[in-house]
Amino acid sequence: REDFPATLHFVGEVALDAAGRASVEVPLADAITTYRIEAIGWSGSGWVRSARTAVRVEQEAEIDAPVPAVAPVGDVLRLPVRVLHRGTTTLAARFDVTGEGGLAVTLGAPTPLEGPPGEARDAVLEVRPMAAGAGALVITCRRAEDGAAPDAVRRPLAVRVDARLARDETELRVEGR
C-alpha cells in the first residue's frame, strides 16, 4: 500500500440522465479507512440537493515493515514484519520479498506465520542486498493455501558498497543534516 491522497476523487460536473440520475465510479486508494462521499446537485437557478454516505475499505490483512534507508552490500537485514489479521478465519501466511528499480536482494529461509482473526503477529525476514543501487523493497504477505496477496508494502532502500558510507549516510539522515 502506498497511495494515500488527501482527496480521493473529485468530479466537477456530471450530466444527469432523463430520470435525473448519474453514476460515478470512484477509484479507491490504498488506505484502510472510511471514506466520506458527498454529492451536491446544482441547477441553473441554484442549489438543489445534497447527499452524503460513507464507504468502509478493509483488507483481510494489513502488514507493516520498517526498512532502513541505507544498507551495505551483502549485509543481512533482519526486518521485523507485523501482520494485523482482519479476517474471520485463521490466516496462514508466507512472505515474498522483491527489489524494484535495480535493487537486487535475496530472501533467507521462508518465514511462515499463522494468526487468529483480529490479532497481530510478528515475523522476522532476513533479506540480503546483493549489489549496490537504489530502488524499493517490496514485501508481500501471501495466503499459504492459495498464494493470494492480501497486502504488500513498498519501502525505499539504497544499497552501498562500503558499509562506512551506509553508516555515515544513515547518521546524516537521523541528525537531519
N, C-alpha and C. Protein backbone atom coordinates (compact mmCIF):
# COMPACT_ATOMS: atom_id res chain seq x y z
N ARG A 1 0.84 -1.17 0.00
CA ARG A 1 0.00 0.00 0.00
C ARG A 1 0.88 1.23 0.00
N GLU A 2 0.56 2.16 -0.87
CA GLU A 2 1.38 3.36 -0.92
C GLU A 2 0.64 4.60 -1.40
N ASP A 3 -0.61 4.50 -1.77
CA ASP A 3 -1.37 5.62 -2.31
C ASP A 3 -2.36 6.11 -1.26
N PHE A 4 -2.07 7.29 -0.65
CA PHE A 4 -2.90 7.84 0.41
C PHE A 4 -3.23 9.31 0.14
N PRO A 5 -4.01 9.61 -0.90
CA PRO A 5 -4.29 11.01 -1.22
C PRO A 5 -5.22 11.66 -0.20
N ALA A 6 -5.08 12.99 -0.02
CA ALA A 6 -5.95 13.73 0.90
C ALA A 6 -7.38 13.78 0.36
N THR A 7 -7.52 13.99 -0.94
CA THR A 7 -8.83 13.94 -1.60
C THR A 7 -8.81 12.74 -2.52
N LEU A 8 -9.70 11.82 -2.28
CA LEU A 8 -9.70 10.57 -3.02
C LEU A 8 -10.11 10.78 -4.47
N HIS A 9 -11.20 11.52 -4.70
CA HIS A 9 -11.72 11.67 -6.06
C HIS A 9 -12.58 12.93 -6.10
N PHE A 10 -12.48 13.69 -7.18
CA PHE A 10 -13.30 14.87 -7.35
C PHE A 10 -13.77 14.92 -8.79
N VAL A 11 -15.06 15.16 -8.97
CA VAL A 11 -15.63 15.34 -10.29
C VAL A 11 -16.36 16.67 -10.27
N GLY A 12 -15.95 17.59 -11.13
CA GLY A 12 -16.53 18.93 -11.12
C GLY A 12 -17.93 19.01 -11.69
N GLU A 13 -18.22 18.16 -12.67
CA GLU A 13 -19.53 18.23 -13.32
C GLU A 13 -19.91 16.86 -13.84
N VAL A 14 -21.15 16.47 -13.58
CA VAL A 14 -21.66 15.18 -14.05
C VAL A 14 -23.04 15.42 -14.66
N ALA A 15 -23.23 14.96 -15.87
CA ALA A 15 -24.53 15.12 -16.53
C ALA A 15 -25.51 14.09 -15.98
N LEU A 16 -26.75 14.51 -15.80
CA LEU A 16 -27.81 13.62 -15.32
C LEU A 16 -28.53 12.99 -16.51
N ASP A 17 -29.06 11.80 -16.29
CA ASP A 17 -29.86 11.16 -17.33
C ASP A 17 -31.28 11.72 -17.30
N ALA A 18 -32.16 11.21 -18.13
CA ALA A 18 -33.54 11.71 -18.22
C ALA A 18 -34.29 11.56 -16.90
N ALA A 19 -33.91 10.59 -16.10
CA ALA A 19 -34.57 10.38 -14.80
C ALA A 19 -33.95 11.23 -13.70
N GLY A 20 -32.96 12.05 -14.03
CA GLY A 20 -32.32 12.90 -13.03
C GLY A 20 -31.27 12.19 -12.20
N ARG A 21 -30.71 11.11 -12.74
CA ARG A 21 -29.71 10.33 -12.01
C ARG A 21 -28.37 10.34 -12.75
N ALA A 22 -27.33 10.07 -11.97
CA ALA A 22 -25.98 9.95 -12.52
C ALA A 22 -25.23 8.88 -11.76
N SER A 23 -24.26 8.31 -12.41
CA SER A 23 -23.43 7.30 -11.78
C SER A 23 -21.97 7.72 -11.94
N VAL A 24 -21.22 7.62 -10.86
CA VAL A 24 -19.80 8.00 -10.88
C VAL A 24 -19.00 6.86 -10.27
N GLU A 25 -17.98 6.38 -10.98
CA GLU A 25 -17.08 5.38 -10.43
C GLU A 25 -16.00 6.08 -9.62
N VAL A 26 -15.77 5.59 -8.41
CA VAL A 26 -14.77 6.19 -7.53
C VAL A 26 -13.66 5.16 -7.30
N PRO A 27 -12.45 5.42 -7.83
CA PRO A 27 -11.34 4.50 -7.57
C PRO A 27 -10.87 4.66 -6.13
N LEU A 28 -10.68 3.55 -5.45
CA LEU A 28 -10.25 3.60 -4.05
C LEU A 28 -8.73 3.61 -3.96
N ALA A 29 -8.22 4.28 -2.97
CA ALA A 29 -6.78 4.32 -2.72
C ALA A 29 -6.41 3.14 -1.82
N ASP A 30 -5.18 3.14 -1.33
CA ASP A 30 -4.67 2.01 -0.55
C ASP A 30 -4.96 2.11 0.95
N ALA A 31 -5.55 3.20 1.38
CA ALA A 31 -5.79 3.40 2.80
C ALA A 31 -6.88 2.45 3.30
N ILE A 32 -6.67 1.92 4.48
CA ILE A 32 -7.69 1.11 5.15
C ILE A 32 -8.40 2.07 6.08
N THR A 33 -9.55 2.55 5.63
CA THR A 33 -10.22 3.63 6.33
C THR A 33 -11.68 3.71 5.90
N THR A 34 -12.36 4.72 6.39
CA THR A 34 -13.71 5.04 5.93
C THR A 34 -13.64 6.33 5.13
N TYR A 35 -14.13 6.28 3.90
CA TYR A 35 -14.17 7.46 3.04
C TYR A 35 -15.53 8.11 3.14
N ARG A 36 -15.56 9.43 3.27
CA ARG A 36 -16.81 10.18 3.20
C ARG A 36 -17.07 10.52 1.75
N ILE A 37 -18.29 10.33 1.31
CA ILE A 37 -18.68 10.66 -0.05
C ILE A 37 -19.80 11.69 0.04
N GLU A 38 -19.63 12.78 -0.71
CA GLU A 38 -20.64 13.82 -0.72
C GLU A 38 -20.93 14.20 -2.16
N ALA A 39 -22.22 14.32 -2.47
CA ALA A 39 -22.65 14.76 -3.80
C ALA A 39 -23.55 15.98 -3.61
N ILE A 40 -23.32 16.99 -4.41
CA ILE A 40 -24.12 18.21 -4.36
C ILE A 40 -24.67 18.45 -5.75
N GLY A 41 -25.96 18.57 -5.85
CA GLY A 41 -26.61 18.84 -7.14
C GLY A 41 -27.00 20.30 -7.26
N TRP A 42 -26.64 20.91 -8.37
CA TRP A 42 -26.96 22.32 -8.62
C TRP A 42 -27.75 22.40 -9.92
N SER A 43 -28.60 23.38 -9.99
CA SER A 43 -29.32 23.65 -11.24
C SER A 43 -28.90 25.04 -11.70
N GLY A 44 -29.44 25.46 -12.84
CA GLY A 44 -29.14 26.78 -13.35
C GLY A 44 -29.59 27.88 -12.41
N SER A 45 -30.59 27.59 -11.58
CA SER A 45 -31.10 28.62 -10.66
C SER A 45 -30.52 28.51 -9.25
N GLY A 46 -29.66 27.53 -9.02
CA GLY A 46 -29.06 27.43 -7.70
C GLY A 46 -29.05 26.02 -7.14
N TRP A 47 -28.75 25.92 -5.84
CA TRP A 47 -28.60 24.63 -5.16
C TRP A 47 -29.90 23.85 -5.17
N VAL A 48 -29.80 22.57 -5.45
CA VAL A 48 -30.98 21.72 -5.49
C VAL A 48 -30.98 20.71 -4.36
N ARG A 49 -29.93 19.93 -4.24
CA ARG A 49 -29.95 18.84 -3.27
C ARG A 49 -28.52 18.36 -2.98
N SER A 50 -28.33 17.77 -1.79
CA SER A 50 -27.04 17.15 -1.49
C SER A 50 -27.30 15.84 -0.76
N ALA A 51 -26.30 14.97 -0.79
CA ALA A 51 -26.40 13.68 -0.11
C ALA A 51 -25.01 13.28 0.35
N ARG A 52 -24.97 12.52 1.44
CA ARG A 52 -23.69 12.02 1.98
C ARG A 52 -23.84 10.55 2.30
N THR A 53 -22.71 9.86 2.18
CA THR A 53 -22.65 8.47 2.59
C THR A 53 -21.20 8.16 2.95
N ALA A 54 -20.94 6.95 3.32
CA ALA A 54 -19.58 6.54 3.66
C ALA A 54 -19.31 5.16 3.07
N VAL A 55 -18.05 4.93 2.73
CA VAL A 55 -17.61 3.63 2.23
C VAL A 55 -16.46 3.18 3.11
N ARG A 56 -16.60 2.02 3.73
CA ARG A 56 -15.54 1.47 4.58
C ARG A 56 -14.70 0.51 3.75
N VAL A 57 -13.38 0.73 3.73
CA VAL A 57 -12.45 -0.12 2.99
C VAL A 57 -11.62 -0.91 3.98
N GLU A 58 -11.66 -2.21 3.86
CA GLU A 58 -10.89 -3.08 4.73
C GLU A 58 -10.18 -4.14 3.89
N GLN A 59 -9.21 -4.75 4.47
CA GLN A 59 -8.48 -5.85 3.85
C GLN A 59 -8.42 -7.00 4.84
N GLU A 60 -8.16 -8.18 4.32
CA GLU A 60 -8.03 -9.35 5.18
C GLU A 60 -6.85 -9.21 6.13
N ALA A 61 -5.77 -8.62 5.63
CA ALA A 61 -4.57 -8.46 6.45
C ALA A 61 -3.92 -7.13 6.11
N GLU A 62 -3.24 -6.57 7.10
CA GLU A 62 -2.50 -5.33 6.91
C GLU A 62 -1.09 -5.57 7.43
N ILE A 63 -0.09 -5.30 6.59
CA ILE A 63 1.28 -5.52 7.05
C ILE A 63 2.05 -4.21 7.14
N ASP A 64 3.04 -4.22 8.01
CA ASP A 64 3.95 -3.10 8.12
C ASP A 64 5.35 -3.66 8.35
N ALA A 65 6.32 -3.01 7.75
CA ALA A 65 7.70 -3.48 7.86
C ALA A 65 8.65 -2.29 7.77
N PRO A 66 9.26 -1.90 8.89
CA PRO A 66 10.26 -0.84 8.81
C PRO A 66 11.52 -1.35 8.11
N VAL A 67 12.02 -0.55 7.18
CA VAL A 67 13.22 -0.90 6.41
C VAL A 67 14.19 0.26 6.55
N PRO A 68 15.47 -0.01 6.81
CA PRO A 68 16.43 1.09 6.91
C PRO A 68 16.54 1.81 5.56
N ALA A 69 16.89 3.08 5.60
CA ALA A 69 17.03 3.86 4.36
C ALA A 69 18.24 3.41 3.55
N VAL A 70 19.30 2.97 4.23
CA VAL A 70 20.55 2.61 3.57
C VAL A 70 21.09 1.33 4.19
N ALA A 71 21.68 0.48 3.34
CA ALA A 71 22.29 -0.76 3.82
C ALA A 71 23.51 -1.09 2.97
N PRO A 72 24.49 -1.80 3.52
CA PRO A 72 25.67 -2.20 2.74
C PRO A 72 25.41 -3.49 1.95
N VAL A 73 26.09 -3.63 0.84
CA VAL A 73 26.01 -4.84 0.02
C VAL A 73 26.40 -6.04 0.86
N GLY A 74 25.64 -7.13 0.75
CA GLY A 74 25.97 -8.38 1.41
C GLY A 74 25.57 -8.49 2.87
N ASP A 75 25.16 -7.39 3.47
CA ASP A 75 24.74 -7.43 4.87
C ASP A 75 23.42 -8.19 4.97
N VAL A 76 23.12 -8.74 6.12
CA VAL A 76 21.84 -9.40 6.33
C VAL A 76 20.95 -8.44 7.13
N LEU A 77 19.86 -8.03 6.51
CA LEU A 77 18.89 -7.17 7.18
C LEU A 77 17.85 -8.06 7.83
N ARG A 78 17.69 -7.92 9.11
CA ARG A 78 16.64 -8.67 9.83
C ARG A 78 15.46 -7.70 10.00
N LEU A 79 14.46 -7.88 9.13
CA LEU A 79 13.33 -6.95 9.08
C LEU A 79 12.15 -7.47 9.87
N PRO A 80 11.71 -6.73 10.88
CA PRO A 80 10.51 -7.15 11.62
C PRO A 80 9.27 -6.81 10.79
N VAL A 81 8.43 -7.79 10.57
CA VAL A 81 7.21 -7.61 9.80
C VAL A 81 6.03 -7.92 10.72
N ARG A 82 5.11 -7.00 10.79
CA ARG A 82 3.91 -7.20 11.61
C ARG A 82 2.71 -7.36 10.68
N VAL A 83 1.92 -8.40 10.95
CA VAL A 83 0.70 -8.66 10.17
C VAL A 83 -0.50 -8.56 11.11
N LEU A 84 -1.39 -7.62 10.80
CA LEU A 84 -2.63 -7.49 11.54
C LEU A 84 -3.70 -8.21 10.73
N HIS A 85 -4.25 -9.27 11.29
CA HIS A 85 -5.22 -10.11 10.59
C HIS A 85 -6.63 -9.60 10.88
N ARG A 86 -7.33 -9.15 9.83
CA ARG A 86 -8.67 -8.60 9.97
C ARG A 86 -9.75 -9.58 9.49
N GLY A 87 -9.36 -10.77 9.06
CA GLY A 87 -10.32 -11.73 8.53
C GLY A 87 -11.12 -12.43 9.61
N THR A 88 -11.86 -13.45 9.19
CA THR A 88 -12.74 -14.16 10.12
C THR A 88 -12.27 -15.58 10.41
N THR A 89 -11.24 -16.04 9.71
CA THR A 89 -10.69 -17.37 9.97
C THR A 89 -9.18 -17.22 10.16
N THR A 90 -8.55 -18.26 10.68
CA THR A 90 -7.11 -18.22 10.91
C THR A 90 -6.37 -17.96 9.59
N LEU A 91 -5.38 -17.09 9.65
CA LEU A 91 -4.57 -16.76 8.48
C LEU A 91 -3.24 -17.48 8.56
N ALA A 92 -2.97 -18.35 7.61
CA ALA A 92 -1.65 -18.95 7.45
C ALA A 92 -1.01 -18.21 6.28
N ALA A 93 0.15 -17.59 6.53
CA ALA A 93 0.76 -16.73 5.52
C ALA A 93 2.24 -17.03 5.33
N ARG A 94 2.74 -16.58 4.19
CA ARG A 94 4.17 -16.60 3.88
C ARG A 94 4.50 -15.24 3.26
N PHE A 95 5.78 -14.98 3.05
CA PHE A 95 6.19 -13.67 2.55
C PHE A 95 7.06 -13.81 1.31
N ASP A 96 6.89 -12.86 0.38
CA ASP A 96 7.78 -12.69 -0.75
C ASP A 96 8.47 -11.35 -0.58
N VAL A 97 9.73 -11.28 -0.94
CA VAL A 97 10.46 -10.01 -0.93
C VAL A 97 11.14 -9.86 -2.27
N THR A 98 10.88 -8.73 -2.94
CA THR A 98 11.50 -8.46 -4.24
C THR A 98 12.06 -7.05 -4.23
N GLY A 99 12.99 -6.81 -5.13
CA GLY A 99 13.55 -5.48 -5.31
C GLY A 99 13.03 -4.87 -6.59
N GLU A 100 12.81 -3.57 -6.57
CA GLU A 100 12.39 -2.84 -7.76
C GLU A 100 13.39 -1.74 -8.05
N GLY A 101 13.44 -1.32 -9.32
CA GLY A 101 14.30 -0.20 -9.69
C GLY A 101 15.77 -0.54 -9.62
N GLY A 102 16.13 -1.75 -9.98
CA GLY A 102 17.54 -2.12 -9.98
C GLY A 102 18.04 -2.64 -8.64
N LEU A 103 17.17 -2.83 -7.69
CA LEU A 103 17.56 -3.34 -6.38
C LEU A 103 17.54 -4.87 -6.42
N ALA A 104 18.70 -5.48 -6.15
CA ALA A 104 18.81 -6.95 -6.15
C ALA A 104 18.94 -7.45 -4.72
N VAL A 105 18.00 -8.31 -4.31
CA VAL A 105 18.01 -8.85 -2.95
C VAL A 105 17.68 -10.33 -2.99
N THR A 106 18.10 -11.03 -1.93
CA THR A 106 17.66 -12.42 -1.74
C THR A 106 17.01 -12.52 -0.38
N LEU A 107 16.07 -13.45 -0.27
CA LEU A 107 15.35 -13.69 0.97
C LEU A 107 15.91 -14.93 1.61
N GLY A 108 16.11 -14.87 2.92
CA GLY A 108 16.60 -16.03 3.66
C GLY A 108 15.55 -17.12 3.74
N ALA A 109 15.67 -17.98 4.71
CA ALA A 109 14.75 -19.10 4.89
C ALA A 109 13.32 -18.59 4.98
N PRO A 110 12.37 -19.33 4.40
CA PRO A 110 10.96 -18.92 4.48
C PRO A 110 10.52 -18.74 5.93
N THR A 111 9.71 -17.72 6.14
CA THR A 111 9.20 -17.44 7.47
C THR A 111 7.68 -17.54 7.44
N PRO A 112 7.13 -18.70 7.78
CA PRO A 112 5.66 -18.80 7.81
C PRO A 112 5.10 -18.09 9.03
N LEU A 113 3.86 -17.71 8.93
CA LEU A 113 3.20 -17.02 10.03
C LEU A 113 1.76 -17.51 10.09
N GLU A 114 1.24 -17.69 11.30
CA GLU A 114 -0.15 -18.08 11.46
C GLU A 114 -0.75 -17.24 12.57
N GLY A 115 -1.96 -16.70 12.29
CA GLY A 115 -2.59 -15.86 13.30
C GLY A 115 -4.09 -15.96 13.28
N PRO A 116 -4.69 -15.90 14.46
CA PRO A 116 -6.15 -15.94 14.56
C PRO A 116 -6.75 -14.60 14.13
N PRO A 117 -8.04 -14.58 13.83
CA PRO A 117 -8.70 -13.33 13.43
C PRO A 117 -8.58 -12.26 14.52
N GLY A 118 -8.38 -11.02 14.07
CA GLY A 118 -8.37 -9.89 15.00
C GLY A 118 -7.09 -9.68 15.76
N GLU A 119 -6.06 -10.47 15.48
CA GLU A 119 -4.81 -10.32 16.22
C GLU A 119 -3.65 -10.01 15.28
N ALA A 120 -2.60 -9.42 15.83
CA ALA A 120 -1.39 -9.13 15.08
C ALA A 120 -0.32 -10.16 15.44
N ARG A 121 0.46 -10.53 14.45
CA ARG A 121 1.58 -11.45 14.65
C ARG A 121 2.82 -10.84 14.00
N ASP A 122 3.97 -11.18 14.55
CA ASP A 122 5.24 -10.66 14.05
C ASP A 122 6.08 -11.79 13.48
N ALA A 123 6.84 -11.46 12.46
CA ALA A 123 7.81 -12.37 11.88
C ALA A 123 9.06 -11.56 11.57
N VAL A 124 10.20 -12.22 11.49
CA VAL A 124 11.44 -11.56 11.12
C VAL A 124 11.90 -12.15 9.80
N LEU A 125 12.08 -11.28 8.79
CA LEU A 125 12.55 -11.70 7.48
C LEU A 125 14.02 -11.33 7.34
N GLU A 126 14.82 -12.27 6.86
CA GLU A 126 16.23 -12.00 6.60
C GLU A 126 16.40 -11.73 5.12
N VAL A 127 16.83 -10.50 4.81
CA VAL A 127 16.99 -10.05 3.43
C VAL A 127 18.44 -9.62 3.23
N ARG A 128 19.03 -10.05 2.12
CA ARG A 128 20.42 -9.70 1.83
C ARG A 128 20.48 -8.89 0.53
N PRO A 129 20.91 -7.60 0.61
CA PRO A 129 21.14 -6.82 -0.61
C PRO A 129 22.36 -7.39 -1.35
N MET A 130 22.22 -7.63 -2.65
CA MET A 130 23.27 -8.31 -3.41
C MET A 130 24.18 -7.38 -4.22
N ALA A 131 23.73 -6.17 -4.52
CA ALA A 131 24.54 -5.25 -5.33
C ALA A 131 24.18 -3.82 -4.97
N ALA A 132 25.13 -2.92 -5.23
CA ALA A 132 24.87 -1.50 -4.96
C ALA A 132 23.79 -0.99 -5.90
N GLY A 133 22.99 -0.08 -5.39
CA GLY A 133 21.92 0.51 -6.19
C GLY A 133 20.86 1.09 -5.28
N ALA A 134 19.84 1.61 -5.90
CA ALA A 134 18.73 2.18 -5.14
C ALA A 134 17.42 1.79 -5.80
N GLY A 135 16.42 1.65 -4.99
CA GLY A 135 15.11 1.28 -5.50
C GLY A 135 14.15 1.08 -4.36
N ALA A 136 13.27 0.11 -4.52
CA ALA A 136 12.29 -0.16 -3.47
C ALA A 136 12.30 -1.63 -3.13
N LEU A 137 12.12 -1.91 -1.86
CA LEU A 137 11.97 -3.27 -1.37
C LEU A 137 10.46 -3.51 -1.22
N VAL A 138 9.95 -4.55 -1.88
CA VAL A 138 8.53 -4.86 -1.83
C VAL A 138 8.35 -6.13 -1.01
N ILE A 139 7.60 -6.01 0.08
CA ILE A 139 7.34 -7.15 0.96
C ILE A 139 5.86 -7.49 0.82
N THR A 140 5.59 -8.71 0.36
CA THR A 140 4.22 -9.15 0.10
C THR A 140 3.85 -10.27 1.04
N CYS A 141 2.71 -10.13 1.68
CA CYS A 141 2.15 -11.19 2.52
C CYS A 141 1.22 -12.02 1.63
N ARG A 142 1.41 -13.33 1.60
CA ARG A 142 0.58 -14.20 0.76
C ARG A 142 -0.08 -15.27 1.63
N ARG A 143 -1.33 -15.57 1.31
CA ARG A 143 -2.01 -16.67 2.00
C ARG A 143 -1.33 -17.97 1.58
N ALA A 144 -1.02 -18.82 2.53
CA ALA A 144 -0.31 -20.08 2.26
C ALA A 144 -1.13 -21.01 1.37
N GLU A 145 -2.45 -21.04 1.55
CA GLU A 145 -3.26 -22.03 0.82
C GLU A 145 -3.44 -21.72 -0.66
N ASP A 146 -3.45 -20.43 -1.06
CA ASP A 146 -3.71 -20.15 -2.47
C ASP A 146 -2.76 -19.12 -3.08
N GLY A 147 -1.86 -18.54 -2.29
CA GLY A 147 -0.90 -17.58 -2.81
C GLY A 147 -1.45 -16.18 -3.03
N ALA A 148 -2.74 -15.97 -2.73
CA ALA A 148 -3.32 -14.63 -2.89
C ALA A 148 -2.63 -13.67 -1.94
N ALA A 149 -2.53 -12.41 -2.36
CA ALA A 149 -1.81 -11.40 -1.57
C ALA A 149 -2.79 -10.41 -0.94
N PRO A 150 -3.09 -10.57 0.36
CA PRO A 150 -3.99 -9.62 1.00
C PRO A 150 -3.36 -8.25 1.25
N ASP A 151 -2.02 -8.15 1.24
CA ASP A 151 -1.39 -6.85 1.43
C ASP A 151 0.09 -6.92 1.06
N ALA A 152 0.66 -5.74 0.77
CA ALA A 152 2.08 -5.61 0.48
C ALA A 152 2.50 -4.19 0.84
N VAL A 153 3.79 -4.01 1.11
CA VAL A 153 4.34 -2.68 1.35
C VAL A 153 5.55 -2.48 0.45
N ARG A 154 5.78 -1.25 0.08
CA ARG A 154 6.94 -0.88 -0.75
C ARG A 154 7.71 0.18 0.03
N ARG A 155 9.00 -0.11 0.30
CA ARG A 155 9.84 0.80 1.08
C ARG A 155 11.12 1.12 0.30
N PRO A 156 11.53 2.39 0.29
CA PRO A 156 12.76 2.76 -0.40
C PRO A 156 13.98 2.19 0.32
N LEU A 157 14.99 1.82 -0.47
CA LEU A 157 16.24 1.30 0.09
C LEU A 157 17.38 1.64 -0.86
N ALA A 158 18.44 2.21 -0.31
CA ALA A 158 19.67 2.46 -1.06
C ALA A 158 20.72 1.49 -0.54
N VAL A 159 21.40 0.82 -1.46
CA VAL A 159 22.43 -0.16 -1.09
C VAL A 159 23.78 0.40 -1.52
N ARG A 160 24.72 0.44 -0.58
CA ARG A 160 26.07 0.98 -0.82
C ARG A 160 27.10 -0.13 -0.73
N VAL A 161 28.21 0.04 -1.46
CA VAL A 161 29.28 -0.94 -1.43
C VAL A 161 30.03 -0.90 -0.11
N ASP A 162 30.32 0.29 0.36
CA ASP A 162 31.11 0.47 1.58
C ASP A 162 30.19 0.65 2.77
N ALA A 163 30.33 -0.20 3.76
CA ALA A 163 29.46 -0.13 4.94
C ALA A 163 29.62 1.20 5.68
N ARG A 164 30.82 1.78 5.63
CA ARG A 164 31.00 3.06 6.31
C ARG A 164 30.17 4.14 5.65
N LEU A 165 30.05 4.10 4.31
CA LEU A 165 29.21 5.07 3.62
C LEU A 165 27.75 4.91 4.03
N ALA A 166 27.31 3.68 4.17
CA ALA A 166 25.92 3.43 4.59
C ALA A 166 25.70 3.97 6.00
N ARG A 167 26.65 3.70 6.89
CA ARG A 167 26.50 4.19 8.26
C ARG A 167 26.52 5.71 8.30
N ASP A 168 27.44 6.35 7.56
CA ASP A 168 27.54 7.80 7.56
C ASP A 168 26.27 8.43 7.00
N GLU A 169 25.74 7.88 5.91
CA GLU A 169 24.54 8.44 5.32
C GLU A 169 23.36 8.30 6.27
N THR A 170 23.25 7.20 6.95
CA THR A 170 22.18 7.00 7.91
C THR A 170 22.30 7.99 9.06
N GLU A 171 23.51 8.21 9.55
CA GLU A 171 23.71 9.15 10.64
C GLU A 171 23.32 10.56 10.21
N LEU A 172 23.62 10.94 8.98
CA LEU A 172 23.25 12.27 8.48
C LEU A 172 21.73 12.41 8.43
N ARG A 173 21.06 11.37 7.99
CA ARG A 173 19.59 11.43 7.91
C ARG A 173 18.96 11.53 9.30
N VAL A 174 19.51 10.81 10.24
CA VAL A 174 18.97 10.82 11.60
C VAL A 174 19.16 12.19 12.23
N GLU A 175 20.32 12.79 12.02
CA GLU A 175 20.62 14.08 12.62
C GLU A 175 19.98 15.23 11.86
N GLY A 176 19.45 14.96 10.66
CA GLY A 176 18.75 15.98 9.90
C GLY A 176 19.64 16.91 9.12
N ARG A 177 20.86 16.54 8.85
CA ARG A 177 21.77 17.40 8.07
C ARG A 177 21.49 17.28 6.61
